[in-house]
Amino acid sequence: MRATYHHLTLSAAIPRRLEADPDALVRAVEELHEARMLWLARAEAYAAQRRAEKRSGRRAAANPRPWWLRSWWDGPNRAWYDTPFRHPPLRLPEYVRRQNAMLDGADLPGCPDCGDERPPVSNSTGHGWVELCRGCAWVLAPCPCGQRHRVVPETPFNWNGIWRRAHMSDDGTPNPHWPAV
């Protein structure tokens, strides 16, 4: 939710003061709605497939689970909870299309989430290292200990500040003084 909200404020250019551009909210809702329609279509198809599999005697779901059923805590997108501004730069419908393509077995280049093909960045866990995508902080190589670790944000943030769109200026562009506002 936090990363999605942050993404929508940037992609729809929602200004700090909504009165400055009320259409920004419409742009955000349209992007969210388009992604939701793609996700619902895929989720309905998956539900029908699982019902058929269960009728034929296959009770266990295939691995990996569909992207929308993965636990955010255990998933490689845990960084988006810890640092909600490190999310894929793709529009939400493109993100859903990419996830659906990988679910269908497509071997897409770059980061599984955003497609960024730059070398990963190493992040210390205190006793080991994880490799994160430079574009979205997706965990490309987990810590050798096998445990999931909290990703410490490069930029300190306050959720209330994000909710109030302190990272945006009054004209809908990113605030150049954030997070020191």
Protein backbone atom coordinates (compact mmCIF):
# COMPACT_ATOMS: atom_id res chain seq x y z
CA MET A 1 0.00 0.00 0.00
CA ARG A 2 2.71 2.49 0.96
CA ALA A 3 4.84 1.92 -2.14
CA THR A 4 1.73 1.96 -4.35
CA TYR A 5 0.60 5.25 -2.85
CA HIS A 6 4.06 6.76 -3.29
CA HIS A 7 4.19 5.48 -6.88
CA LEU A 8 0.79 6.97 -7.72
CA THR A 9 1.71 10.36 -6.29
CA LEU A 10 4.73 10.44 -8.61
CA SER A 11 3.20 8.91 -11.74
CA ALA A 12 0.04 11.03 -11.59
CA ALA A 13 2.00 14.08 -10.37
CA ILE A 14 -0.31 14.61 -7.41
CA PRO A 15 0.72 17.95 -5.91
CA ARG A 16 1.03 18.58 -2.19
CA ARG A 17 -2.03 20.82 -2.41
CA LEU A 18 -4.63 18.87 -4.38
CA GLU A 19 -6.49 22.07 -5.29
CA ALA A 20 -3.57 22.94 -7.58
CA ASP A 21 -4.39 19.99 -9.88
CA PRO A 22 -7.59 18.08 -9.01
CA ASP A 23 -7.24 16.04 -12.24
CA ALA A 24 -4.14 14.40 -10.74
CA LEU A 25 -6.38 12.31 -8.54
CA VAL A 26 -8.31 11.17 -11.62
CA ARG A 27 -5.04 10.17 -13.34
CA ALA A 28 -4.02 8.13 -10.29
CA VAL A 29 -7.38 6.36 -10.09
CA GLU A 30 -7.32 5.58 -13.82
CA GLU A 31 -3.87 3.99 -13.54
CA LEU A 32 -4.93 2.01 -10.47
CA HIS A 33 -8.16 0.91 -12.18
CA GLU A 34 -6.36 -0.27 -15.32
CA ALA A 35 -3.94 -2.36 -13.23
CA ARG A 36 -6.80 -3.71 -11.13
CA MET A 37 -8.70 -4.86 -14.21
CA LEU A 38 -5.64 -6.74 -15.48
CA TRP A 39 -5.11 -8.32 -12.06
CA LEU A 40 -8.80 -9.30 -11.67
CA ALA A 41 -8.85 -10.98 -15.08
CA ARG A 42 -5.74 -12.98 -14.19
CA ALA A 43 -7.01 -13.82 -10.69
CA GLU A 44 -10.32 -15.09 -12.09
CA ALA A 45 -8.49 -17.27 -14.62
CA TYR A 46 -6.25 -18.61 -11.84
CA ALA A 47 -9.27 -19.38 -9.63
CA ALA A 48 -10.95 -21.29 -12.48
CA GLN A 49 -7.71 -23.20 -13.14
CA ARG A 50 -7.37 -24.12 -9.44
CA ARG A 51 -11.00 -25.31 -9.27
CA ALA A 52 -10.36 -27.57 -12.26
CA GLU A 53 -7.12 -28.87 -10.70
CA LYS A 54 -8.89 -29.62 -7.43
CA ARG A 55 -11.68 -31.47 -9.25
CA SER A 56 -9.04 -33.62 -10.93
CA GLY A 57 -7.44 -34.43 -7.57
CA ARG A 58 -4.53 -31.99 -7.45
CA ARG A 59 -4.95 -30.24 -4.11
CA ALA A 60 -1.58 -28.51 -3.75
CA ALA A 61 -1.04 -25.26 -5.60
CA ALA A 62 1.89 -25.09 -7.98
CA ASN A 63 5.05 -23.33 -6.94
CA PRO A 64 5.84 -20.53 -7.26
CA ARG A 65 2.55 -19.11 -6.12
CA PRO A 66 1.03 -16.32 -8.21
CA TRP A 67 2.57 -12.96 -7.48
CA TRP A 68 -0.57 -11.59 -5.80
CA LEU A 69 -0.73 -14.48 -3.30
CA ARG A 70 2.85 -14.18 -2.07
CA SER A 71 3.38 -12.96 1.45
CA TRP A 72 4.80 -9.45 1.48
CA TRP A 73 6.85 -10.32 4.56
CA ASP A 74 8.57 -13.32 2.99
CA GLY A 75 8.69 -12.00 -0.53
CA PRO A 76 11.57 -10.27 -2.26
CA ASN A 77 9.53 -7.05 -2.37
CA ARG A 78 9.86 -6.66 1.41
CA ALA A 79 12.04 -3.62 0.71
CA TRP A 80 8.98 -1.75 -0.53
CA TYR A 81 7.52 -1.93 2.95
CA ASP A 82 10.74 -0.80 4.61
CA THR A 83 11.47 1.88 1.99
CA PRO A 84 8.24 2.64 0.12
CA PHE A 85 9.94 5.01 -2.32
CA ARG A 86 12.10 2.15 -3.71
CA HIS A 87 9.41 0.63 -5.95
CA PRO A 88 9.42 -0.31 -9.63
CA PRO A 89 9.33 2.79 -11.84
CA LEU A 90 6.89 1.06 -14.20
CA ARG A 91 3.28 2.17 -14.46
CA LEU A 92 1.11 -0.20 -12.43
CA PRO A 93 -0.50 -1.83 -15.51
CA GLU A 94 2.98 -2.52 -16.93
CA TYR A 95 4.05 -4.02 -13.61
CA VAL A 96 1.00 -6.33 -13.61
CA ARG A 97 1.66 -7.32 -17.24
CA ARG A 98 5.29 -8.11 -16.38
CA GLN A 99 4.30 -10.23 -13.38
CA ASN A 100 1.68 -12.07 -15.42
CA ALA A 101 4.18 -12.76 -18.20
CA MET A 102 6.61 -14.27 -15.70
CA LEU A 103 3.78 -16.35 -14.24
CA ASP A 104 3.25 -17.68 -17.76
CA GLY A 105 6.90 -18.71 -17.89
CA ALA A 106 8.39 -15.81 -19.82
CA ASP A 107 12.08 -15.25 -19.22
CA LEU A 108 12.24 -11.47 -19.10
CA PRO A 109 15.55 -9.60 -19.05
CA GLY A 110 16.81 -7.71 -16.01
CA CYS A 111 15.22 -7.47 -12.60
CA PRO A 112 12.16 -9.71 -12.29
CA ASP A 113 10.12 -6.78 -11.09
CA CYS A 114 11.14 -3.69 -13.00
CA GLY A 115 13.41 -4.96 -15.79
CA ASP A 116 16.37 -2.82 -14.70
CA GLU A 117 19.49 -4.38 -16.21
CA ARG A 118 22.11 -2.42 -14.26
CA PRO A 119 24.40 -4.30 -11.86
CA PRO A 120 22.83 -4.89 -8.44
CA VAL A 121 23.76 -2.89 -5.37
CA SER A 122 24.99 -4.66 -2.22
CA ASN A 123 23.26 -3.96 1.07
CA SER A 124 24.71 -5.05 4.42
CA THR A 125 22.60 -7.15 6.78
CA GLY A 126 25.11 -6.82 9.61
CA HIS A 127 26.56 -10.29 9.06
CA GLY A 128 26.21 -10.75 5.33
CA TRP A 129 25.13 -9.02 2.16
CA VAL A 130 22.04 -9.01 0.00
CA GLU A 131 22.01 -7.83 -3.58
CA LEU A 132 19.24 -5.41 -4.48
CA CYS A 133 18.02 -4.14 -7.81
CA ARG A 134 19.16 -0.55 -8.34
CA GLY A 135 15.79 0.39 -9.77
CA CYS A 136 13.36 -1.02 -7.23
CA ALA A 137 15.28 -2.73 -4.37
CA TRP A 138 13.99 -6.19 -5.31
CA VAL A 139 16.15 -8.78 -3.55
CA LEU A 140 18.13 -10.41 -6.37
CA ALA A 141 20.45 -12.42 -4.08
CA PRO A 142 19.34 -13.08 -0.48
CA CYS A 143 21.56 -13.12 2.59
CA PRO A 144 23.63 -16.33 2.89
CA CYS A 145 22.03 -17.04 6.28
CA GLY A 146 18.72 -17.69 4.51
CA GLN A 147 16.79 -15.19 6.64
CA ARG A 148 14.91 -12.16 5.37
CA HIS A 149 16.29 -8.89 6.70
CA ARG A 150 14.88 -5.43 7.02
CA VAL A 151 16.19 -3.08 4.35
CA VAL A 152 17.35 0.14 5.95
CA PRO A 153 16.26 3.09 3.81
CA GLU A 154 18.97 5.22 2.24
CA THR A 155 16.75 8.24 2.77
CA PRO A 156 15.04 8.46 6.16
CA PHE A 157 11.31 8.89 5.80
CA ASN A 158 8.20 9.39 7.80
CA TRP A 159 5.01 7.67 6.63
CA ASN A 160 2.93 10.73 7.58
CA GLY A 161 5.17 12.82 5.36
CA ILE A 162 4.60 10.49 2.44
CA TRP A 163 0.85 10.40 3.14
CA ARG A 164 0.77 14.20 3.13
CA ARG A 165 2.85 14.18 -0.05
CA ALA A 166 5.78 16.09 1.47
CA HIS A 167 7.90 14.50 -1.28
CA MET A 168 5.88 16.49 -3.83
CA SER A 169 5.85 20.22 -4.51
CA ASP A 170 2.73 22.33 -4.96
CA ASP A 171 2.97 22.04 -8.75
CA GLY A 172 3.10 18.22 -8.84
CA THR A 173 6.84 17.78 -9.35
CA PRO A 174 9.06 15.96 -6.86
CA ASN A 175 10.11 18.23 -3.99
CA PRO A 176 13.88 18.87 -4.39
CA HIS A 177 14.20 19.54 -0.63
CA TRP A 178 12.58 16.29 0.50
CA PRO A 179 13.17 14.58 2.96
CA ALA A 180 14.69 17.54 4.82
CA VAL A 181 11.38 19.41 4.69
